[in-house]
Amino acid sequence: MSKEALDKYRFVPQAVRDMTPVVKTSKLGNRYTMWTEAWFINLVRGQLREAFHRWPVRLNVLERVKVVEETITRSGRPSKRPTVWYVCEQCGAKCKATVAKGNPKNYVRIWVDHIDPVVPVDKVIGFDEYVNRLFCQPENLQALCDTCHQTKSAKEKTKRTNKKSVDWRR
């Protein structure tokens, strides 16, 4: 992380700044460093993103695009669990949300994405602005299928790095 970017994050406690970085080795033999300023910033940002997943405004966006279909069992009775689908707001595809542990091959994930990116493509932002942009109004959020989300993210990444877009989807 650049010096300019670190200066924007003044919330890093002095104890983290003064601490000697801890070098660890993963099970695969890769070495990584913990408790640097950049590591701490990424830790806090990750925890904020986890909180965003439980944020009521995000859940309201999912409710906005939710479609519930009654399923009929073999005996002709309505199923106890109806099928829940989400409609992509960009392409209109019906997506089935899946649990994080396993994503069956034929199911497409649904993403609640910021229309105006949390991290702007043209500047470095501070912690206060990051939090304000992450926890935004529902008008700045949209539900996207996996394909639309990856395309949008690749375009934003291309603008950030000024490089050619690479299609990394499987």
N, C-alpha and C. Protein backbone atom coordinates (compact mmCIF):
# COMPACT_ATOMS: atom_id res chain seq x y z
N MET A 1 0.85 -1.17 0.00
CA MET A 1 0.00 0.00 0.00
C MET A 1 0.89 1.23 0.00
N SER A 2 0.54 2.22 -0.80
CA SER A 2 1.38 3.40 -0.94
C SER A 2 1.32 4.27 0.31
N LYS A 3 2.30 5.14 0.46
CA LYS A 3 2.36 6.06 1.59
C LYS A 3 1.13 6.97 1.59
N GLU A 4 0.71 7.41 0.38
CA GLU A 4 -0.47 8.26 0.26
C GLU A 4 -1.71 7.55 0.78
N ALA A 5 -1.85 6.28 0.45
CA ALA A 5 -3.01 5.51 0.90
C ALA A 5 -2.97 5.32 2.41
N LEU A 6 -1.79 5.04 2.98
CA LEU A 6 -1.67 4.85 4.42
C LEU A 6 -1.97 6.13 5.18
N ASP A 7 -1.61 7.29 4.62
CA ASP A 7 -1.89 8.56 5.28
C ASP A 7 -3.39 8.81 5.40
N LYS A 8 -4.18 8.27 4.46
CA LYS A 8 -5.63 8.45 4.50
C LYS A 8 -6.25 7.66 5.66
N TYR A 9 -5.57 6.60 6.11
CA TYR A 9 -6.11 5.75 7.16
C TYR A 9 -5.46 6.13 8.49
N ARG A 10 -5.91 7.24 9.06
CA ARG A 10 -5.35 7.71 10.32
C ARG A 10 -5.91 6.96 11.51
N PHE A 11 -6.89 6.07 11.28
CA PHE A 11 -7.52 5.36 12.38
C PHE A 11 -6.67 4.20 12.88
N VAL A 12 -5.56 3.89 12.21
CA VAL A 12 -4.72 2.76 12.63
C VAL A 12 -4.12 3.10 13.99
N PRO A 13 -4.37 2.27 15.00
CA PRO A 13 -3.87 2.57 16.35
C PRO A 13 -2.34 2.65 16.38
N GLN A 14 -1.85 3.48 17.26
CA GLN A 14 -0.41 3.64 17.41
C GLN A 14 0.26 2.33 17.79
N ALA A 15 -0.44 1.48 18.54
CA ALA A 15 0.12 0.17 18.93
C ALA A 15 0.41 -0.68 17.70
N VAL A 16 -0.43 -0.60 16.69
CA VAL A 16 -0.19 -1.35 15.46
C VAL A 16 0.99 -0.75 14.70
N ARG A 17 1.08 0.57 14.69
CA ARG A 17 2.18 1.25 14.01
C ARG A 17 3.53 0.91 14.65
N ASP A 18 3.54 0.78 15.98
CA ASP A 18 4.79 0.53 16.71
C ASP A 18 5.18 -0.95 16.75
N MET A 19 4.23 -1.83 16.46
CA MET A 19 4.46 -3.26 16.61
C MET A 19 5.40 -3.80 15.53
N THR A 20 6.23 -4.75 15.91
CA THR A 20 7.09 -5.44 14.95
C THR A 20 6.24 -6.44 14.19
N PRO A 21 6.26 -6.39 12.85
CA PRO A 21 5.45 -7.33 12.07
C PRO A 21 5.80 -8.78 12.38
N VAL A 22 4.79 -9.63 12.40
CA VAL A 22 4.95 -11.05 12.70
C VAL A 22 4.94 -11.82 11.38
N VAL A 23 5.99 -12.59 11.11
CA VAL A 23 6.06 -13.39 9.90
C VAL A 23 5.62 -14.80 10.22
N LYS A 24 4.64 -15.30 9.45
CA LYS A 24 4.12 -16.65 9.67
C LYS A 24 4.24 -17.45 8.38
N THR A 25 4.09 -18.77 8.50
CA THR A 25 4.11 -19.65 7.34
C THR A 25 2.82 -20.45 7.32
N SER A 26 2.16 -20.48 6.16
CA SER A 26 0.91 -21.22 6.04
C SER A 26 1.18 -22.71 5.94
N LYS A 27 0.10 -23.52 5.93
CA LYS A 27 0.25 -24.97 5.81
C LYS A 27 0.88 -25.36 4.48
N LEU A 28 0.70 -24.50 3.46
CA LEU A 28 1.28 -24.78 2.14
C LEU A 28 2.71 -24.29 2.00
N GLY A 29 3.24 -23.67 3.07
CA GLY A 29 4.61 -23.21 3.04
C GLY A 29 4.78 -21.76 2.59
N ASN A 30 3.66 -21.05 2.35
CA ASN A 30 3.75 -19.65 1.95
C ASN A 30 3.97 -18.77 3.17
N ARG A 31 4.87 -17.81 3.02
CA ARG A 31 5.15 -16.88 4.12
C ARG A 31 4.29 -15.64 3.96
N TYR A 32 3.76 -15.14 5.08
CA TYR A 32 2.99 -13.91 5.07
C TYR A 32 3.27 -13.14 6.35
N THR A 33 3.02 -11.84 6.29
CA THR A 33 3.32 -10.96 7.41
C THR A 33 2.03 -10.45 8.02
N MET A 34 1.95 -10.52 9.35
CA MET A 34 0.78 -10.02 10.07
C MET A 34 1.15 -8.78 10.87
N TRP A 35 0.14 -8.01 11.17
CA TRP A 35 0.21 -6.84 12.03
C TRP A 35 1.07 -5.72 11.47
N THR A 36 1.05 -5.58 10.15
CA THR A 36 1.56 -4.35 9.55
C THR A 36 0.37 -3.40 9.44
N GLU A 37 0.63 -2.14 9.09
CA GLU A 37 -0.48 -1.19 8.94
C GLU A 37 -1.43 -1.62 7.83
N ALA A 38 -0.87 -2.05 6.71
CA ALA A 38 -1.71 -2.48 5.58
C ALA A 38 -2.53 -3.71 5.96
N TRP A 39 -1.94 -4.64 6.71
CA TRP A 39 -2.65 -5.84 7.14
C TRP A 39 -3.82 -5.46 8.04
N PHE A 40 -3.59 -4.52 8.96
CA PHE A 40 -4.64 -4.08 9.88
C PHE A 40 -5.78 -3.39 9.11
N ILE A 41 -5.44 -2.56 8.14
CA ILE A 41 -6.45 -1.87 7.33
C ILE A 41 -7.30 -2.89 6.58
N ASN A 42 -6.67 -3.89 5.98
CA ASN A 42 -7.42 -4.92 5.26
C ASN A 42 -8.29 -5.74 6.22
N LEU A 43 -7.84 -5.97 7.43
CA LEU A 43 -8.62 -6.68 8.43
C LEU A 43 -9.89 -5.90 8.76
N VAL A 44 -9.75 -4.59 9.00
CA VAL A 44 -10.90 -3.75 9.34
C VAL A 44 -11.87 -3.67 8.16
N ARG A 45 -11.34 -3.49 6.95
CA ARG A 45 -12.20 -3.41 5.78
C ARG A 45 -12.96 -4.72 5.57
N GLY A 46 -12.32 -5.85 5.80
CA GLY A 46 -12.98 -7.15 5.67
C GLY A 46 -14.12 -7.31 6.67
N GLN A 47 -13.89 -6.86 7.90
CA GLN A 47 -14.93 -6.94 8.92
C GLN A 47 -16.11 -6.03 8.59
N LEU A 48 -15.82 -4.86 8.02
CA LEU A 48 -16.89 -3.96 7.60
C LEU A 48 -17.72 -4.59 6.48
N ARG A 49 -17.07 -5.26 5.55
CA ARG A 49 -17.80 -5.93 4.47
C ARG A 49 -18.67 -7.05 5.02
N GLU A 50 -18.18 -7.75 6.04
CA GLU A 50 -19.00 -8.79 6.68
C GLU A 50 -20.24 -8.16 7.32
N ALA A 51 -20.07 -7.00 7.96
CA ALA A 51 -21.21 -6.31 8.56
C ALA A 51 -22.19 -5.86 7.48
N PHE A 52 -21.68 -5.46 6.32
CA PHE A 52 -22.54 -5.03 5.22
C PHE A 52 -23.47 -6.16 4.77
N HIS A 53 -23.02 -7.40 4.85
CA HIS A 53 -23.84 -8.54 4.44
C HIS A 53 -25.06 -8.72 5.35
N ARG A 54 -24.99 -8.23 6.57
CA ARG A 54 -26.12 -8.32 7.49
C ARG A 54 -26.89 -7.01 7.59
N TRP A 55 -26.52 -6.03 6.81
CA TRP A 55 -27.13 -4.71 6.88
C TRP A 55 -28.55 -4.74 6.32
N PRO A 56 -29.54 -4.19 7.02
CA PRO A 56 -30.94 -4.27 6.58
C PRO A 56 -31.21 -3.69 5.19
N VAL A 57 -30.51 -2.64 4.80
CA VAL A 57 -30.74 -2.05 3.47
C VAL A 57 -30.34 -3.04 2.38
N ARG A 58 -29.26 -3.79 2.58
CA ARG A 58 -28.84 -4.81 1.61
C ARG A 58 -29.90 -5.91 1.53
N LEU A 59 -30.41 -6.31 2.68
CA LEU A 59 -31.44 -7.35 2.71
C LEU A 59 -32.73 -6.88 2.04
N ASN A 60 -33.04 -5.58 2.16
CA ASN A 60 -34.22 -5.03 1.49
C ASN A 60 -34.07 -5.07 -0.03
N VAL A 61 -32.85 -4.88 -0.52
CA VAL A 61 -32.60 -4.97 -1.97
C VAL A 61 -32.87 -6.40 -2.44
N LEU A 62 -32.44 -7.38 -1.67
CA LEU A 62 -32.72 -8.78 -2.02
C LEU A 62 -34.22 -9.06 -2.01
N GLU A 63 -34.93 -8.49 -1.05
CA GLU A 63 -36.39 -8.68 -1.00
C GLU A 63 -37.06 -8.04 -2.22
N ARG A 64 -36.49 -6.94 -2.70
CA ARG A 64 -37.05 -6.22 -3.85
C ARG A 64 -37.05 -7.08 -5.11
N VAL A 65 -36.04 -7.95 -5.26
CA VAL A 65 -35.91 -8.75 -6.49
C VAL A 65 -36.26 -10.22 -6.26
N LYS A 66 -36.83 -10.52 -5.10
CA LYS A 66 -37.14 -11.90 -4.75
C LYS A 66 -38.43 -12.36 -5.43
N VAL A 67 -38.40 -13.58 -5.94
CA VAL A 67 -39.58 -14.22 -6.54
C VAL A 67 -39.74 -15.58 -5.87
N VAL A 68 -40.92 -15.83 -5.31
CA VAL A 68 -41.19 -17.10 -4.63
C VAL A 68 -42.14 -17.91 -5.49
N GLU A 69 -41.75 -19.14 -5.81
CA GLU A 69 -42.59 -20.03 -6.61
C GLU A 69 -43.01 -21.23 -5.77
N GLU A 70 -44.29 -21.50 -5.77
CA GLU A 70 -44.79 -22.68 -5.08
C GLU A 70 -44.35 -23.91 -5.87
N THR A 71 -43.85 -24.90 -5.18
CA THR A 71 -43.42 -26.14 -5.80
C THR A 71 -44.44 -27.23 -5.47
N ILE A 72 -44.78 -28.01 -6.46
CA ILE A 72 -45.73 -29.09 -6.28
C ILE A 72 -44.96 -30.40 -6.12
N THR A 73 -45.30 -31.15 -5.08
CA THR A 73 -44.63 -32.43 -4.86
C THR A 73 -45.18 -33.48 -5.82
N ARG A 74 -44.61 -34.67 -5.81
CA ARG A 74 -45.06 -35.76 -6.68
C ARG A 74 -46.51 -36.17 -6.39
N SER A 75 -46.89 -36.00 -5.14
CA SER A 75 -48.26 -36.37 -4.77
C SER A 75 -49.28 -35.28 -5.14
N GLY A 76 -48.80 -34.18 -5.68
CA GLY A 76 -49.71 -33.13 -6.12
C GLY A 76 -50.00 -32.07 -5.07
N ARG A 77 -49.36 -32.15 -3.91
CA ARG A 77 -49.55 -31.15 -2.86
C ARG A 77 -48.48 -30.07 -2.95
N PRO A 78 -48.78 -28.88 -2.45
CA PRO A 78 -47.74 -27.83 -2.41
C PRO A 78 -46.60 -28.25 -1.47
N SER A 79 -45.39 -27.95 -1.89
CA SER A 79 -44.22 -28.29 -1.08
C SER A 79 -44.18 -27.40 0.16
N LYS A 80 -43.56 -27.91 1.22
CA LYS A 80 -43.41 -27.11 2.44
C LYS A 80 -42.42 -25.97 2.23
N ARG A 81 -41.46 -26.19 1.33
CA ARG A 81 -40.47 -25.15 1.04
C ARG A 81 -40.61 -24.69 -0.40
N PRO A 82 -41.12 -23.49 -0.62
CA PRO A 82 -41.21 -22.99 -1.99
C PRO A 82 -39.82 -22.66 -2.53
N THR A 83 -39.70 -22.60 -3.85
CA THR A 83 -38.43 -22.24 -4.48
C THR A 83 -38.29 -20.73 -4.50
N VAL A 84 -37.14 -20.24 -4.07
CA VAL A 84 -36.89 -18.79 -4.02
C VAL A 84 -35.89 -18.44 -5.10
N TRP A 85 -36.26 -17.49 -5.95
CA TRP A 85 -35.40 -17.00 -7.03
C TRP A 85 -35.18 -15.51 -6.85
N TYR A 86 -34.09 -15.02 -7.42
CA TYR A 86 -33.80 -13.59 -7.44
C TYR A 86 -33.59 -13.18 -8.89
N VAL A 87 -34.12 -12.04 -9.27
CA VAL A 87 -34.04 -11.57 -10.65
C VAL A 87 -32.93 -10.52 -10.75
N CYS A 88 -32.00 -10.73 -11.67
CA CYS A 88 -30.92 -9.78 -11.92
C CYS A 88 -31.52 -8.49 -12.46
N GLU A 89 -31.16 -7.37 -11.87
CA GLU A 89 -31.72 -6.08 -12.28
C GLU A 89 -31.12 -5.56 -13.57
N GLN A 90 -30.04 -6.17 -14.04
CA GLN A 90 -29.42 -5.70 -15.27
C GLN A 90 -29.88 -6.53 -16.47
N CYS A 91 -29.80 -7.85 -16.38
CA CYS A 91 -30.14 -8.68 -17.54
C CYS A 91 -31.46 -9.43 -17.39
N GLY A 92 -32.04 -9.43 -16.19
CA GLY A 92 -33.32 -10.09 -15.97
C GLY A 92 -33.24 -11.60 -15.76
N ALA A 93 -32.04 -12.14 -15.60
CA ALA A 93 -31.90 -13.59 -15.39
C ALA A 93 -32.42 -13.98 -14.01
N LYS A 94 -33.03 -15.15 -13.93
CA LYS A 94 -33.48 -15.69 -12.65
C LYS A 94 -32.34 -16.46 -12.03
N CYS A 95 -31.99 -16.10 -10.81
CA CYS A 95 -30.86 -16.71 -10.13
C CYS A 95 -31.35 -17.32 -8.82
N LYS A 96 -30.77 -18.43 -8.49
CA LYS A 96 -31.09 -19.07 -7.22
C LYS A 96 -29.94 -18.80 -6.27
N ALA A 97 -30.23 -18.16 -5.17
CA ALA A 97 -29.19 -17.89 -4.18
C ALA A 97 -28.82 -19.19 -3.50
N THR A 98 -27.56 -19.40 -3.27
CA THR A 98 -27.10 -20.64 -2.65
C THR A 98 -26.32 -20.31 -1.39
N VAL A 99 -26.17 -21.31 -0.54
CA VAL A 99 -25.40 -21.12 0.67
C VAL A 99 -23.93 -20.99 0.30
N ALA A 100 -23.17 -20.34 1.18
CA ALA A 100 -21.77 -20.06 0.89
C ALA A 100 -20.91 -21.33 0.82
N LYS A 101 -21.26 -22.37 1.57
CA LYS A 101 -20.41 -23.56 1.62
C LYS A 101 -20.37 -24.29 0.29
N GLY A 102 -21.49 -24.42 -0.37
CA GLY A 102 -21.50 -25.17 -1.63
C GLY A 102 -22.36 -24.47 -2.65
N ASN A 103 -21.84 -24.33 -3.83
CA ASN A 103 -22.60 -23.70 -4.90
C ASN A 103 -22.79 -24.74 -5.99
N PRO A 104 -23.95 -25.43 -6.05
CA PRO A 104 -24.15 -26.43 -7.09
C PRO A 104 -23.90 -25.85 -8.48
N LYS A 105 -23.43 -26.68 -9.38
CA LYS A 105 -22.97 -26.23 -10.69
C LYS A 105 -23.99 -25.41 -11.46
N ASN A 106 -25.25 -25.75 -11.41
CA ASN A 106 -26.25 -25.07 -12.22
C ASN A 106 -26.84 -23.83 -11.56
N TYR A 107 -26.48 -23.53 -10.35
CA TYR A 107 -27.06 -22.39 -9.66
C TYR A 107 -26.16 -21.17 -9.82
N VAL A 108 -26.77 -20.06 -10.09
CA VAL A 108 -26.03 -18.81 -10.24
C VAL A 108 -26.19 -18.01 -8.97
N ARG A 109 -25.13 -17.40 -8.53
CA ARG A 109 -25.19 -16.59 -7.32
C ARG A 109 -25.75 -15.22 -7.64
N ILE A 110 -26.33 -14.59 -6.65
CA ILE A 110 -26.84 -13.23 -6.79
C ILE A 110 -25.98 -12.32 -5.90
N TRP A 111 -25.64 -11.16 -6.40
CA TRP A 111 -24.79 -10.21 -5.70
C TRP A 111 -25.55 -8.92 -5.48
N VAL A 112 -25.42 -8.34 -4.31
CA VAL A 112 -25.90 -6.98 -4.09
C VAL A 112 -24.68 -6.09 -4.28
N ASP A 113 -24.71 -5.30 -5.36
CA ASP A 113 -23.54 -4.55 -5.80
C ASP A 113 -23.82 -3.05 -5.69
N HIS A 114 -22.77 -2.29 -5.40
CA HIS A 114 -22.88 -0.83 -5.37
C HIS A 114 -22.82 -0.30 -6.80
N ILE A 115 -23.79 0.51 -7.19
CA ILE A 115 -23.78 1.12 -8.52
C ILE A 115 -22.58 2.06 -8.62
N ASP A 116 -22.42 2.92 -7.64
CA ASP A 116 -21.23 3.77 -7.53
C ASP A 116 -20.25 2.99 -6.65
N PRO A 117 -19.09 2.55 -7.18
CA PRO A 117 -18.21 1.65 -6.43
C PRO A 117 -17.81 2.20 -5.06
N VAL A 118 -17.63 1.29 -4.11
CA VAL A 118 -17.21 1.68 -2.76
C VAL A 118 -15.84 2.33 -2.83
N VAL A 119 -14.93 1.70 -3.55
CA VAL A 119 -13.60 2.27 -3.76
C VAL A 119 -13.59 2.90 -5.14
N PRO A 120 -13.55 4.23 -5.24
CA PRO A 120 -13.61 4.87 -6.55
C PRO A 120 -12.46 4.46 -7.44
N VAL A 121 -12.71 4.51 -8.74
CA VAL A 121 -11.69 4.08 -9.70
C VAL A 121 -10.61 5.13 -9.90
N ASP A 122 -10.84 6.36 -9.46
CA ASP A 122 -9.91 7.44 -9.81
C ASP A 122 -9.18 8.06 -8.63
N LYS A 123 -9.45 7.63 -7.38
CA LYS A 123 -8.78 8.27 -6.26
C LYS A 123 -8.67 7.33 -5.06
N VAL A 124 -7.84 7.72 -4.11
CA VAL A 124 -7.68 6.99 -2.85
C VAL A 124 -8.58 7.67 -1.83
N ILE A 125 -9.34 6.88 -1.08
CA ILE A 125 -10.25 7.46 -0.10
C ILE A 125 -9.84 7.08 1.30
N GLY A 126 -10.30 7.86 2.27
CA GLY A 126 -10.03 7.59 3.67
C GLY A 126 -11.07 6.68 4.27
N PHE A 127 -10.86 6.36 5.53
CA PHE A 127 -11.73 5.43 6.24
C PHE A 127 -13.16 5.96 6.35
N ASP A 128 -13.32 7.23 6.70
CA ASP A 128 -14.66 7.80 6.86
C ASP A 128 -15.46 7.71 5.56
N GLU A 129 -14.83 8.07 4.46
CA GLU A 129 -15.53 8.02 3.18
C GLU A 129 -15.81 6.57 2.77
N TYR A 130 -14.90 5.66 3.09
CA TYR A 130 -15.11 4.23 2.79
C TYR A 130 -16.36 3.72 3.48
N VAL A 131 -16.51 4.03 4.77
CA VAL A 131 -17.68 3.57 5.53
C VAL A 131 -18.95 4.19 4.96
N ASN A 132 -18.91 5.50 4.65
CA ASN A 132 -20.09 6.16 4.09
C ASN A 132 -20.49 5.58 2.74
N ARG A 133 -19.51 5.21 1.94
CA ARG A 133 -19.82 4.65 0.61
C ARG A 133 -20.28 3.20 0.71
N LEU A 134 -19.77 2.46 1.70
CA LEU A 134 -20.16 1.06 1.87
C LEU A 134 -21.60 0.96 2.35
N PHE A 135 -21.93 1.73 3.38
CA PHE A 135 -23.28 1.71 3.95
C PHE A 135 -24.07 2.88 3.35
N CYS A 136 -24.50 2.68 2.11
CA CYS A 136 -25.15 3.75 1.35
C CYS A 136 -26.67 3.57 1.33
N GLN A 137 -27.32 4.46 0.59
CA GLN A 137 -28.77 4.40 0.41
C GLN A 137 -29.13 3.26 -0.54
N PRO A 138 -30.36 2.74 -0.48
CA PRO A 138 -30.75 1.62 -1.35
C PRO A 138 -30.74 1.99 -2.84
N GLU A 139 -30.83 3.27 -3.17
CA GLU A 139 -30.80 3.67 -4.58
C GLU A 139 -29.45 3.40 -5.22
N ASN A 140 -28.40 3.25 -4.41
CA ASN A 140 -27.06 2.99 -4.93
C ASN A 140 -26.73 1.50 -4.94
N LEU A 141 -27.71 0.65 -4.63
CA LEU A 141 -27.48 -0.79 -4.61
C LEU A 141 -28.32 -1.46 -5.67
N GLN A 142 -27.77 -2.52 -6.27
CA GLN A 142 -28.49 -3.29 -7.28
C GLN A 142 -28.17 -4.76 -7.11
N ALA A 143 -29.10 -5.61 -7.49
CA ALA A 143 -28.91 -7.06 -7.45
C ALA A 143 -28.45 -7.51 -8.82
N LEU A 144 -27.29 -8.17 -8.88
CA LEU A 144 -26.72 -8.63 -10.15
C LEU A 144 -26.44 -10.11 -10.10
N CYS A 145 -26.62 -10.78 -11.25
CA CYS A 145 -26.23 -12.19 -11.35
C CYS A 145 -24.70 -12.26 -11.43
N ASP A 146 -24.17 -13.44 -11.33
CA ASP A 146 -22.73 -13.64 -11.33
C ASP A 146 -22.06 -13.06 -12.57
N THR A 147 -22.63 -13.31 -13.74
CA THR A 147 -22.04 -12.85 -15.00
C THR A 147 -22.01 -11.33 -15.07
N CYS A 148 -23.14 -10.69 -14.76
CA CYS A 148 -23.20 -9.22 -14.81
C CYS A 148 -22.25 -8.61 -13.78
N HIS A 149 -22.17 -9.21 -12.59
CA HIS A 149 -21.29 -8.68 -11.55
C HIS A 149 -19.82 -8.79 -11.96
N GLN A 150 -19.44 -9.93 -12.53
CA GLN A 150 -18.05 -10.10 -12.95
C GLN A 150 -17.69 -9.14 -14.08
N THR A 151 -18.62 -8.92 -15.00
CA THR A 151 -18.36 -7.98 -16.10
C THR A 151 -18.18 -6.57 -15.56
N LYS A 152 -19.05 -6.14 -14.66
CA LYS A 152 -18.97 -4.80 -14.08
C LYS A 152 -17.68 -4.64 -13.28
N SER A 153 -17.33 -5.66 -12.49
CA SER A 153 -16.11 -5.60 -11.68
C SER A 153 -14.87 -5.56 -12.56
N ALA A 154 -14.86 -6.31 -13.66
CA ALA A 154 -13.71 -6.31 -14.57
C ALA A 154 -13.54 -4.94 -15.22
N LYS A 155 -14.64 -4.29 -15.58
CA LYS A 155 -14.55 -2.94 -16.17
C LYS A 155 -13.98 -1.95 -15.17
N GLU A 156 -14.43 -2.04 -13.91
CA GLU A 156 -13.91 -1.14 -12.88
C GLU A 156 -12.43 -1.40 -12.62
N LYS A 157 -12.05 -2.67 -12.61
CA LYS A 157 -10.64 -3.00 -12.39
C LYS A 157 -9.78 -2.50 -13.54
N THR A 158 -10.30 -2.59 -14.77
CA THR A 158 -9.57 -2.10 -15.93
C THR A 158 -9.36 -0.60 -15.83
N LYS A 159 -10.38 0.13 -15.40
CA LYS A 159 -10.24 1.58 -15.24
C LYS A 159 -9.22 1.91 -14.17
N ARG A 160 -9.20 1.11 -13.08
CA ARG A 160 -8.25 1.37 -12.00
C ARG A 160 -6.81 1.13 -12.44
N THR A 161 -6.59 0.06 -13.16
CA THR A 161 -5.21 -0.32 -13.51
C THR A 161 -4.78 0.15 -14.89
N ASN A 162 -5.75 0.65 -15.69
CA ASN A 162 -5.46 1.10 -17.06
C ASN A 162 -4.81 0.00 -17.88
N LYS A 163 -5.26 -1.24 -17.67
CA LYS A 163 -4.75 -2.38 -18.42
C LYS A 163 -5.90 -3.02 -19.19
N LYS A 164 -5.57 -3.92 -20.08
CA LYS A 164 -6.61 -4.64 -20.81
C LYS A 164 -7.35 -5.57 -19.87
N SER A 165 -8.63 -5.69 -20.10
CA SER A 165 -9.47 -6.57 -19.28
C SER A 165 -9.16 -8.03 -19.61
N VAL A 166 -9.09 -8.84 -18.58
CA VAL A 166 -8.87 -10.27 -18.75
C VAL A 166 -10.12 -10.97 -18.28
N ASP A 167 -10.65 -11.84 -19.14
CA ASP A 167 -11.85 -12.60 -18.76
C ASP A 167 -11.40 -13.79 -17.92
N TRP A 168 -11.56 -13.68 -16.60
CA TRP A 168 -11.08 -14.71 -15.68
C TRP A 168 -12.19 -15.64 -15.23
N ARG A 169 -13.38 -15.50 -15.82
CA ARG A 169 -14.48 -16.39 -15.44
C ARG A 169 -14.22 -17.79 -15.94
N ARG A 170 -14.80 -18.77 -15.25
CA ARG A 170 -14.62 -20.16 -15.65
C ARG A 170 -15.62 -20.57 -16.68
